[in-house]
Amino acid sequence: MNGTPRLSLLLGVVAVSFSAILIRLTHSPSLVVAAWRLTLAAGVLIPWSLARGRGLSKHGLLLSLLSGAFLALHFSAWIESLRHTTVASSVVLVTTNPIFVGLFSLALGEPPTRPLWQGIGLSTLGGVLIGWGDFALGGSALWGDLLALGGAVMASGYLLVGRRMRRHGELLPYVATAYGTAALLLLGAMCLFSGEKLPLRGDWLWIGLLALGPQLVGHTSFNRALRSLPAPAVAVAILGEPVGAALWAFLVFGEGIAPLQGVGMVLVLLGIARALRVVWL
């Protein structure tokens, strides 16, 4: 494997590890944060894509629209979960998507290899340990955990569609269309279900950073890697996010890292190494 997918995965993980922290710094409704994050990102990519004159086939357009729908559902569920549960618990649950990606890939003719399944298992176990102390059995935290799990299922659909699209389509028109579709869906949902239509004045900086870092750099890097790597491999690499998010949560919010969480972080990193060893060489 050449160095481009490696760099894309590494850059993507570093960028998205800031997502939960930046979202926790906002005070606007979840739908407003998600909608404007995607709108700002699409506002950068769509003019760029049009200027380059790169288009999509009819099939590619349909896949891009479907990917955007999955992305909108992922963000609306996950961002809302952060209002009800902790950063570690939310990020851990939403990044269980490699399990769903692996299972769905079986039906799509690209089954994960044994090392990849082993990596999925190790990393998922590590993720559970990272958020173990945050899991709740009732109340608002449980609702947040369920929302995060739903976000994982939607993220799985997003990655699987992206893998199929990226095997034959150009990156820029794909991400511009997918992000733009997600933005329109979230703006529509915001108008229907949220009393606020614009972020609070103090939130624009954080939402702008969400659009620039986790979205434009992070998600686009993962979509770039999907051209060369199967969706389960990319999904496992994304499991590096809870490690980074937990570290940032410790530094920014003072959310401590217990010994069990430390063990979980090591397992996540070992799982990533195991899963990517074959495709990395």
C-alpha atoms as a PDB file:
ATOM      1  CA  MET A   1       0.000   0.000   0.000  1.00  0.00           C
ATOM      2  CA  ASN A   2       1.407   3.410  -0.883  1.00  0.00           C
ATOM      3  CA  GLY A   3       1.765   6.240   1.566  1.00  0.00           C
ATOM      4  CA  THR A   4      -1.342   8.213   0.547  1.00  0.00           C
ATOM      5  CA  PRO A   5      -3.954   5.999   2.278  1.00  0.00           C
ATOM      6  CA  ARG A   6      -1.712   5.805   5.353  1.00  0.00           C
ATOM      7  CA  LEU A   7      -1.470   9.571   5.584  1.00  0.00           C
ATOM      8  CA  SER A   8      -5.199   9.943   4.897  1.00  0.00           C
ATOM      9  CA  LEU A   9      -6.128   7.596   7.752  1.00  0.00           C
ATOM     10  CA  LEU A  10      -3.722   9.212  10.207  1.00  0.00           C
ATOM     11  CA  LEU A  11      -4.807  12.731   9.295  1.00  0.00           C
ATOM     12  CA  GLY A  12      -8.457  11.741   9.477  1.00  0.00           C
ATOM     13  CA  VAL A  13      -8.191  10.201  12.944  1.00  0.00           C
ATOM     14  CA  VAL A  14      -6.346  13.207  14.355  1.00  0.00           C
ATOM     15  CA  ALA A  15      -8.878  15.621  12.862  1.00  0.00           C
ATOM     16  CA  VAL A  16     -12.047  13.814  13.995  1.00  0.00           C
ATOM     17  CA  SER A  17     -10.710  13.301  17.527  1.00  0.00           C
ATOM     18  CA  PHE A  18     -11.505  16.984  18.105  1.00  0.00           C
ATOM     19  CA  SER A  19     -15.186  16.584  17.154  1.00  0.00           C
ATOM     20  CA  ALA A  20     -16.621  15.719  20.551  1.00  0.00           C
ATOM     21  CA  ILE A  21     -14.612  18.429  22.298  1.00  0.00           C
ATOM     22  CA  LEU A  22     -15.675  21.165  19.883  1.00  0.00           C
ATOM     23  CA  ILE A  23     -19.315  20.057  20.058  1.00  0.00           C
ATOM     24  CA  ARG A  24     -19.246  20.121  23.859  1.00  0.00           C
ATOM     25  CA  LEU A  25     -18.025  23.731  23.692  1.00  0.00           C
ATOM     26  CA  THR A  26     -21.141  24.805  21.782  1.00  0.00           C
ATOM     27  CA  HIS A  27     -24.451  25.737  23.406  1.00  0.00           C
ATOM     28  CA  SER A  28     -26.722  25.807  20.360  1.00  0.00           C
ATOM     29  CA  PRO A  29     -29.265  23.019  19.709  1.00  0.00           C
ATOM     30  CA  SER A  30     -27.769  19.827  18.298  1.00  0.00           C
ATOM     31  CA  LEU A  31     -29.519  20.118  14.940  1.00  0.00           C
ATOM     32  CA  VAL A  32     -28.246  23.671  14.517  1.00  0.00           C
ATOM     33  CA  VAL A  33     -24.658  22.593  15.174  1.00  0.00           C
ATOM     34  CA  ALA A  34     -24.883  19.634  12.786  1.00  0.00           C
ATOM     35  CA  ALA A  35     -26.668  21.592  10.052  1.00  0.00           C
ATOM     36  CA  TRP A  36     -24.256  24.501  10.007  1.00  0.00           C
ATOM     37  CA  ARG A  37     -21.192  22.272  10.293  1.00  0.00           C
ATOM     38  CA  LEU A  38     -22.218  20.515   7.069  1.00  0.00           C
ATOM     39  CA  THR A  39     -23.424  23.724   5.419  1.00  0.00           C
ATOM     40  CA  LEU A  40     -20.094  25.470   5.920  1.00  0.00           C
ATOM     41  CA  ALA A  41     -18.170  22.428   4.683  1.00  0.00           C
ATOM     42  CA  ALA A  42     -20.407  22.049   1.622  1.00  0.00           C
ATOM     43  CA  GLY A  43     -20.127  25.780   0.976  1.00  0.00           C
ATOM     44  CA  VAL A  44     -16.391  25.305   0.500  1.00  0.00           C
ATOM     45  CA  LEU A  45     -16.508  22.101  -1.549  1.00  0.00           C
ATOM     46  CA  ILE A  46     -19.415  22.696  -3.949  1.00  0.00           C
ATOM     47  CA  PRO A  47     -17.959  25.836  -5.648  1.00  0.00           C
ATOM     48  CA  TRP A  48     -14.569  24.127  -5.814  1.00  0.00           C
ATOM     49  CA  SER A  49     -16.063  21.050  -7.441  1.00  0.00           C
ATOM     50  CA  LEU A  50     -18.063  23.124  -9.936  1.00  0.00           C
ATOM     51  CA  ALA A  51     -14.984  25.178 -10.814  1.00  0.00           C
ATOM     52  CA  ARG A  52     -13.064  22.015 -11.640  1.00  0.00           C
ATOM     53  CA  GLY A  53     -15.899  20.781 -13.839  1.00  0.00           C
ATOM     54  CA  ARG A  54     -15.958  17.293 -12.336  1.00  0.00           C
ATOM     55  CA  GLY A  55     -19.373  15.666 -12.397  1.00  0.00           C
ATOM     56  CA  LEU A  56     -21.027  12.424 -11.350  1.00  0.00           C
ATOM     57  CA  SER A  57     -22.760   9.708 -13.334  1.00  0.00           C
ATOM     58  CA  LYS A  58     -26.421   9.054 -12.597  1.00  0.00           C
ATOM     59  CA  HIS A  59     -25.443   6.033 -10.528  1.00  0.00           C
ATOM     60  CA  GLY A  60     -22.749   8.021  -8.725  1.00  0.00           C
ATOM     61  CA  LEU A  61     -25.212  10.807  -7.983  1.00  0.00           C
ATOM     62  CA  LEU A  62     -27.697   8.379  -6.436  1.00  0.00           C
ATOM     63  CA  LEU A  63     -24.967   6.841  -4.271  1.00  0.00           C
ATOM     64  CA  SER A  64     -23.771  10.278  -3.191  1.00  0.00           C
ATOM     65  CA  LEU A  65     -27.290  11.326  -2.216  1.00  0.00           C
ATOM     66  CA  LEU A  66     -27.733   8.113  -0.216  1.00  0.00           C
ATOM     67  CA  SER A  67     -24.394   8.653   1.506  1.00  0.00           C
ATOM     68  CA  GLY A  68     -25.434  12.183   2.443  1.00  0.00           C
ATOM     69  CA  ALA A  69     -28.685  10.888   3.939  1.00  0.00           C
ATOM     70  CA  PHE A  70     -26.769   8.416   6.113  1.00  0.00           C
ATOM     71  CA  LEU A  71     -24.368  11.182   7.140  1.00  0.00           C
ATOM     72  CA  ALA A  72     -27.223  13.492   8.157  1.00  0.00           C
ATOM     73  CA  LEU A  73     -28.800  10.774  10.311  1.00  0.00           C
ATOM     74  CA  HIS A  74     -25.414   9.950  11.836  1.00  0.00           C
ATOM     75  CA  PHE A  75     -24.731  13.524  12.881  1.00  0.00           C
ATOM     76  CA  SER A  76     -28.209  14.271  14.178  1.00  0.00           C
ATOM     77  CA  ALA A  77     -28.149  11.174  16.407  1.00  0.00           C
ATOM     78  CA  TRP A  78     -24.555  11.463  17.577  1.00  0.00           C
ATOM     79  CA  ILE A  79     -24.489  15.197  18.317  1.00  0.00           C
ATOM     80  CA  GLU A  80     -27.715  14.913  20.308  1.00  0.00           C
ATOM     81  CA  SER A  81     -26.163  12.034  22.293  1.00  0.00           C
ATOM     82  CA  LEU A  82     -23.434  14.376  23.536  1.00  0.00           C
ATOM     83  CA  ARG A  83     -26.124  16.423  25.284  1.00  0.00           C
ATOM     84  CA  HIS A  84     -27.119  13.427  27.390  1.00  0.00           C
ATOM     85  CA  THR A  85     -23.991  11.355  28.066  1.00  0.00           C
ATOM     86  CA  THR A  86     -20.239  11.838  28.413  1.00  0.00           C
ATOM     87  CA  VAL A  87     -17.739  12.352  25.603  1.00  0.00           C
ATOM     88  CA  ALA A  88     -16.079   8.981  26.182  1.00  0.00           C
ATOM     89  CA  SER A  89     -19.309   6.997  26.277  1.00  0.00           C
ATOM     90  CA  SER A  90     -20.766   8.712  23.217  1.00  0.00           C
ATOM     91  CA  VAL A  91     -17.641   8.389  21.098  1.00  0.00           C
ATOM     92  CA  VAL A  92     -17.094   4.762  22.123  1.00  0.00           C
ATOM     93  CA  LEU A  93     -20.632   3.734  21.163  1.00  0.00           C
ATOM     94  CA  VAL A  94     -20.725   5.650  17.906  1.00  0.00           C
ATOM     95  CA  THR A  95     -17.441   4.039  16.876  1.00  0.00           C
ATOM     96  CA  THR A  96     -18.773   0.512  17.259  1.00  0.00           C
ATOM     97  CA  ASN A  97     -19.575   0.882  13.558  1.00  0.00           C
ATOM     98  CA  PRO A  98     -16.770  -1.541  12.483  1.00  0.00           C
ATOM     99  CA  ILE A  99     -18.934  -4.374  13.803  1.00  0.00           C
ATOM    100  CA  PHE A 100     -21.870  -3.277  11.653  1.00  0.00           C
ATOM    101  CA  VAL A 101     -19.614  -2.499   8.686  1.00  0.00           C
ATOM    102  CA  GLY A 102     -18.041  -5.941   8.929  1.00  0.00           C
ATOM    103  CA  LEU A 103     -21.395  -7.700   9.077  1.00  0.00           C
ATOM    104  CA  PHE A 104     -22.906  -5.691   6.234  1.00  0.00           C
ATOM    105  CA  SER A 105     -19.764  -6.172   4.124  1.00  0.00           C
ATOM    106  CA  LEU A 106     -20.373  -9.909   4.161  1.00  0.00           C
ATOM    107  CA  ALA A 107     -23.548  -9.332   2.174  1.00  0.00           C
ATOM    108  CA  LEU A 108     -21.819  -6.925  -0.213  1.00  0.00           C
ATOM    109  CA  GLY A 109     -19.141  -9.336  -1.387  1.00  0.00           C
ATOM    110  CA  GLU A 110     -16.185  -7.838   0.501  1.00  0.00           C
ATOM    111  CA  PRO A 111     -15.967  -9.914   3.703  1.00  0.00           C
ATOM    112  CA  PRO A 112     -13.391  -8.870   6.307  1.00  0.00           C
ATOM    113  CA  THR A 113     -10.321 -11.078   6.663  1.00  0.00           C
ATOM    114  CA  ARG A 114      -9.583 -12.955   9.878  1.00  0.00           C
ATOM    115  CA  PRO A 115      -6.962 -10.381  11.022  1.00  0.00           C
ATOM    116  CA  LEU A 116      -9.469  -7.637  10.345  1.00  0.00           C
ATOM    117  CA  TRP A 117     -12.146  -9.365  12.455  1.00  0.00           C
ATOM    118  CA  GLN A 118      -9.575  -9.836  15.212  1.00  0.00           C
ATOM    119  CA  GLY A 119      -8.713  -6.156  15.040  1.00  0.00           C
ATOM    120  CA  ILE A 120     -12.388  -5.213  15.138  1.00  0.00           C
ATOM    121  CA  GLY A 121     -12.858  -7.362  18.229  1.00  0.00           C
ATOM    122  CA  LEU A 122      -9.816  -5.992  20.068  1.00  0.00           C
ATOM    123  CA  SER A 123     -10.591  -2.381  19.240  1.00  0.00           C
ATOM    124  CA  THR A 124     -14.265  -2.667  20.127  1.00  0.00           C
ATOM    125  CA  LEU A 125     -13.395  -4.295  23.459  1.00  0.00           C
ATOM    126  CA  GLY A 126     -10.941  -1.490  24.110  1.00  0.00           C
ATOM    127  CA  GLY A 127     -13.600   1.074  23.257  1.00  0.00           C
ATOM    128  CA  VAL A 128     -16.013  -0.523  25.709  1.00  0.00           C
ATOM    129  CA  LEU A 129     -13.374  -0.332  28.449  1.00  0.00           C
ATOM    130  CA  ILE A 130     -12.718   3.345  27.682  1.00  0.00           C
ATOM    131  CA  GLY A 131     -16.358   4.213  28.252  1.00  0.00           C
ATOM    132  CA  TRP A 132     -17.218   1.518  30.811  1.00  0.00           C
ATOM    133  CA  GLY A 133     -17.598   3.829  33.771  1.00  0.00           C
ATOM    134  CA  ASP A 134     -19.841   6.156  31.771  1.00  0.00           C
ATOM    135  CA  PHE A 135     -22.478   3.658  30.690  1.00  0.00           C
ATOM    136  CA  ALA A 136     -25.785   4.180  32.426  1.00  0.00           C
ATOM    137  CA  LEU A 137     -28.770   1.976  33.103  1.00  0.00           C
ATOM    138  CA  GLY A 138     -31.439   4.628  32.923  1.00  0.00           C
ATOM    139  CA  GLY A 139     -32.379   8.267  32.496  1.00  0.00           C
ATOM    140  CA  SER A 140     -30.823  10.785  30.171  1.00  0.00           C
ATOM    141  CA  ALA A 141     -27.458   9.034  29.916  1.00  0.00           C
ATOM    142  CA  LEU A 142     -29.073   5.846  28.625  1.00  0.00           C
ATOM    143  CA  TRP A 143     -30.929   7.843  25.972  1.00  0.00           C
ATOM    144  CA  GLY A 144     -27.637   9.426  24.963  1.00  0.00           C
ATOM    145  CA  ASP A 145     -25.998   6.004  24.707  1.00  0.00           C
ATOM    146  CA  LEU A 146     -28.822   4.691  22.496  1.00  0.00           C
ATOM    147  CA  LEU A 147     -28.572   7.732  20.239  1.00  0.00           C
ATOM    148  CA  ALA A 148     -24.837   7.171  19.892  1.00  0.00           C
ATOM    149  CA  LEU A 149     -25.430   3.535  18.960  1.00  0.00           C
ATOM    150  CA  GLY A 150     -27.942   4.611  16.317  1.00  0.00           C
ATOM    151  CA  GLY A 151     -25.330   7.018  15.036  1.00  0.00           C
ATOM    152  CA  ALA A 152     -22.961   4.063  14.661  1.00  0.00           C
ATOM    153  CA  VAL A 153     -25.411   2.207  12.415  1.00  0.00           C
ATOM    154  CA  MET A 154     -25.871   5.306  10.227  1.00  0.00           C
ATOM    155  CA  ALA A 155     -22.098   5.850  10.043  1.00  0.00           C
ATOM    156  CA  SER A 156     -21.735   2.265   8.850  1.00  0.00           C
ATOM    157  CA  GLY A 157     -24.100   2.929   5.954  1.00  0.00           C
ATOM    158  CA  TYR A 158     -22.158   6.100   5.131  1.00  0.00           C
ATOM    159  CA  LEU A 159     -18.835   4.218   4.956  1.00  0.00           C
ATOM    160  CA  LEU A 160     -20.212   1.297   2.961  1.00  0.00           C
ATOM    161  CA  VAL A 161     -21.819   3.541   0.354  1.00  0.00           C
ATOM    162  CA  GLY A 162     -18.653   5.641   0.269  1.00  0.00           C
ATOM    163  CA  ARG A 163     -16.521   2.562  -0.395  1.00  0.00           C
ATOM    164  CA  ARG A 164     -18.702   1.522  -3.318  1.00  0.00           C
ATOM    165  CA  MET A 165     -18.722   5.044  -4.708  1.00  0.00           C
ATOM    166  CA  ARG A 166     -14.999   5.689  -4.277  1.00  0.00           C
ATOM    167  CA  ARG A 167     -13.990   2.531  -6.114  1.00  0.00           C
ATOM    168  CA  HIS A 168     -15.207   4.125  -9.340  1.00  0.00           C
ATOM    169  CA  GLY A 169     -15.873   7.817  -8.673  1.00  0.00           C
ATOM    170  CA  GLU A 170     -13.923  11.023  -8.100  1.00  0.00           C
ATOM    171  CA  LEU A 171     -13.437  12.249  -4.535  1.00  0.00           C
ATOM    172  CA  LEU A 172     -14.309  15.943  -4.863  1.00  0.00           C
ATOM    173  CA  PRO A 173     -17.743  15.719  -6.551  1.00  0.00           C
ATOM    174  CA  TYR A 174     -18.663  12.817  -4.280  1.00  0.00           C
ATOM    175  CA  VAL A 175     -17.900  14.570  -0.981  1.00  0.00           C
ATOM    176  CA  ALA A 176     -19.351  17.873  -2.233  1.00  0.00           C
ATOM    177  CA  THR A 177     -22.631  16.136  -3.110  1.00  0.00           C
ATOM    178  CA  ALA A 178     -22.742  13.986   0.034  1.00  0.00           C
ATOM    179  CA  TYR A 179     -21.969  16.863   2.401  1.00  0.00           C
ATOM    180  CA  GLY A 180     -24.376  19.148   0.530  1.00  0.00           C
ATOM    181  CA  THR A 181     -27.175  16.563   0.751  1.00  0.00           C
ATOM    182  CA  ALA A 182     -26.555  16.082   4.466  1.00  0.00           C
ATOM    183  CA  ALA A 183     -26.556  19.849   4.970  1.00  0.00           C
ATOM    184  CA  LEU A 184     -29.908  20.303   3.184  1.00  0.00           C
ATOM    185  CA  LEU A 185     -31.532  17.474   5.146  1.00  0.00           C
ATOM    186  CA  LEU A 186     -30.275  18.836   8.448  1.00  0.00           C
ATOM    187  CA  LEU A 187     -31.299  22.396   7.592  1.00  0.00           C
ATOM    188  CA  GLY A 188     -34.773  21.103   6.798  1.00  0.00           C
ATOM    189  CA  ALA A 189     -34.947  19.163  10.054  1.00  0.00           C
ATOM    190  CA  MET A 190     -33.667  22.219  11.911  1.00  0.00           C
ATOM    191  CA  CYS A 191     -36.465  24.370  10.503  1.00  0.00           C
ATOM    192  CA  LEU A 192     -39.068  21.779  11.503  1.00  0.00           C
ATOM    193  CA  PHE A 193     -37.860  20.768  14.951  1.00  0.00           C
ATOM    194  CA  SER A 194     -35.634  23.506  16.326  1.00  0.00           C
ATOM    195  CA  GLY A 195     -36.712  26.918  17.528  1.00  0.00           C
ATOM    196  CA  GLU A 196     -33.266  28.260  16.711  1.00  0.00           C
ATOM    197  CA  LYS A 197     -32.239  28.718  13.092  1.00  0.00           C
ATOM    198  CA  LEU A 198     -28.779  30.211  13.608  1.00  0.00           C
ATOM    199  CA  PRO A 199     -26.078  29.238  16.105  1.00  0.00           C
ATOM    200  CA  LEU A 200     -25.556  31.384  19.157  1.00  0.00           C
ATOM    201  CA  ARG A 201     -23.041  34.124  18.485  1.00  0.00           C
ATOM    202  CA  GLY A 202     -20.336  32.494  20.586  1.00  0.00           C
ATOM    203  CA  ASP A 203     -20.728  29.150  18.770  1.00  0.00           C
ATOM    204  CA  TRP A 204     -19.733  30.256  15.274  1.00  0.00           C
ATOM    205  CA  LEU A 205     -16.031  29.781  16.012  1.00  0.00           C
ATOM    206  CA  TRP A 206     -16.506  26.217  17.258  1.00  0.00           C
ATOM    207  CA  ILE A 207     -18.806  25.281  14.365  1.00  0.00           C
ATOM    208  CA  GLY A 208     -16.364  26.795  11.882  1.00  0.00           C
ATOM    209  CA  LEU A 209     -13.584  24.695  13.391  1.00  0.00           C
ATOM    210  CA  LEU A 210     -15.840  21.613  13.206  1.00  0.00           C
ATOM    211  CA  ALA A 211     -16.386  22.260   9.503  1.00  0.00           C
ATOM    212  CA  LEU A 212     -12.713  22.875   8.830  1.00  0.00           C
ATOM    213  CA  GLY A 213     -11.082  20.135  10.896  1.00  0.00           C
ATOM    214  CA  PRO A 214     -13.297  17.096  11.579  1.00  0.00           C
ATOM    215  CA  GLN A 215     -15.412  17.542   8.430  1.00  0.00           C
ATOM    216  CA  LEU A 216     -13.272  18.925   5.613  1.00  0.00           C
ATOM    217  CA  VAL A 217     -10.026  17.338   6.784  1.00  0.00           C
ATOM    218  CA  GLY A 218     -11.237  14.334   8.787  1.00  0.00           C
ATOM    219  CA  HIS A 219     -14.172  12.936   6.835  1.00  0.00           C
ATOM    220  CA  THR A 220     -12.662  13.819   3.469  1.00  0.00           C
ATOM    221  CA  SER A 221      -9.450  12.006   4.431  1.00  0.00           C
ATOM    222  CA  PHE A 222     -11.442   8.875   5.281  1.00  0.00           C
ATOM    223  CA  ASN A 223     -13.316   9.083   1.990  1.00  0.00           C
ATOM    224  CA  ARG A 224     -10.003   9.422   0.189  1.00  0.00           C
ATOM    225  CA  ALA A 225      -8.716   6.273   1.893  1.00  0.00           C
ATOM    226  CA  LEU A 226     -11.862   4.339   0.906  1.00  0.00           C
ATOM    227  CA  ARG A 227     -10.643   4.230  -2.693  1.00  0.00           C
ATOM    228  CA  SER A 228      -7.788   1.906  -1.704  1.00  0.00           C
ATOM    229  CA  LEU A 229      -9.029   0.256   1.484  1.00  0.00           C
ATOM    230  CA  PRO A 230     -12.149  -1.792   2.316  1.00  0.00           C
ATOM    231  CA  ALA A 231     -14.737  -0.086   4.481  1.00  0.00           C
ATOM    232  CA  PRO A 232     -14.088  -2.316   7.552  1.00  0.00           C
ATOM    233  CA  ALA A 233     -10.405  -1.332   7.538  1.00  0.00           C
ATOM    234  CA  VAL A 234     -11.242   2.371   7.472  1.00  0.00           C
ATOM    235  CA  ALA A 235     -13.889   1.845  10.162  1.00  0.00           C
ATOM    236  CA  VAL A 236     -11.293   0.193  12.430  1.00  0.00           C
ATOM    237  CA  ALA A 237      -8.864   3.058  11.910  1.00  0.00           C
ATOM    238  CA  ILE A 238     -11.602   5.487  12.988  1.00  0.00           C
ATOM    239  CA  LEU A 239     -11.610   3.689  16.349  1.00  0.00           C
ATOM    240  CA  GLY A 240      -8.549   5.752  17.139  1.00  0.00           C
ATOM    241  CA  GLU A 241     -11.012   8.617  17.659  1.00  0.00           C
ATOM    242  CA  PRO A 242     -12.147   7.645  21.189  1.00  0.00           C
ATOM    243  CA  VAL A 243      -8.517   7.463  22.276  1.00  0.00           C
ATOM    244  CA  GLY A 244      -7.854  10.988  21.063  1.00  0.00           C
ATOM    245  CA  ALA A 245     -11.223  12.261  22.290  1.00  0.00           C
ATOM    246  CA  ALA A 246     -10.688  10.841  25.776  1.00  0.00           C
ATOM    247  CA  LEU A 247      -7.255  12.469  25.954  1.00  0.00           C
ATOM    248  CA  TRP A 248      -8.650  15.825  24.832  1.00  0.00           C
ATOM    249  CA  ALA A 249     -11.566  15.499  27.260  1.00  0.00           C
ATOM    250  CA  PHE A 250      -9.041  15.002  30.049  1.00  0.00           C
ATOM    251  CA  LEU A 251      -7.110  18.122  29.042  1.00  0.00           C
ATOM    252  CA  VAL A 252     -10.092  20.380  28.296  1.00  0.00           C
ATOM    253  CA  PHE A 253     -12.856  19.205  30.646  1.00  0.00           C
ATOM    254  CA  GLY A 254     -10.880  17.408  33.330  1.00  0.00           C
ATOM    255  CA  GLU A 255     -12.639  14.098  32.621  1.00  0.00           C
ATOM    256  CA  GLY A 256     -10.196  11.696  34.227  1.00  0.00           C
ATOM    257  CA  ILE A 257      -8.651   8.652  32.547  1.00  0.00           C
ATOM    258  CA  ALA A 258      -9.042   5.672  34.872  1.00  0.00           C
ATOM    259  CA  PRO A 259      -6.682   2.673  34.726  1.00  0.00           C
ATOM    260  CA  LEU A 260      -9.379   0.639  32.968  1.00  0.00           C
ATOM    261  CA  GLN A 261      -9.671   3.329  30.315  1.00  0.00           C
ATOM    262  CA  GLY A 262      -5.911   3.251  29.848  1.00  0.00           C
ATOM    263  CA  VAL A 263      -6.084  -0.498  29.213  1.00  0.00           C
ATOM    264  CA  GLY A 264      -8.906   0.139  26.753  1.00  0.00           C
ATOM    265  CA  MET A 265      -6.829   2.671  24.835  1.00  0.00           C
ATOM    266  CA  VAL A 266      -3.989   0.164  24.503  1.00  0.00           C
ATOM    267  CA  LEU A 267      -6.415  -2.484  23.215  1.00  0.00           C
ATOM    268  CA  VAL A 268      -7.841  -0.047  20.674  1.00  0.00           C
ATOM    269  CA  LEU A 269      -4.373   0.722  19.325  1.00  0.00           C
ATOM    270  CA  LEU A 270      -3.432  -2.974  19.241  1.00  0.00           C
ATOM    271  CA  GLY A 271      -6.675  -3.751  17.413  1.00  0.00           C
ATOM    272  CA  ILE A 272      -5.988  -1.063  14.823  1.00  0.00           C
ATOM    273  CA  ALA A 273      -2.466  -2.403  14.309  1.00  0.00           C
ATOM    274  CA  ARG A 274      -3.765  -5.957  13.917  1.00  0.00           C
ATOM    275  CA  ALA A 275      -6.570  -5.035  11.544  1.00  0.00           C
ATOM    276  CA  LEU A 276      -4.446  -2.852   9.294  1.00  0.00           C
ATOM    277  CA  ARG A 277      -1.293  -4.978   9.288  1.00  0.00           C
ATOM    278  CA  VAL A 278      -2.193  -6.853   6.116  1.00  0.00           C
ATOM    279  CA  VAL A 279      -3.454  -3.861   4.113  1.00  0.00           C
ATOM    280  CA  TRP A 280      -0.738  -1.591   5.511  1.00  0.00           C
ATOM    281  CA  LEU A 281       2.134  -3.593   4.033  1.00  0.00           C
END
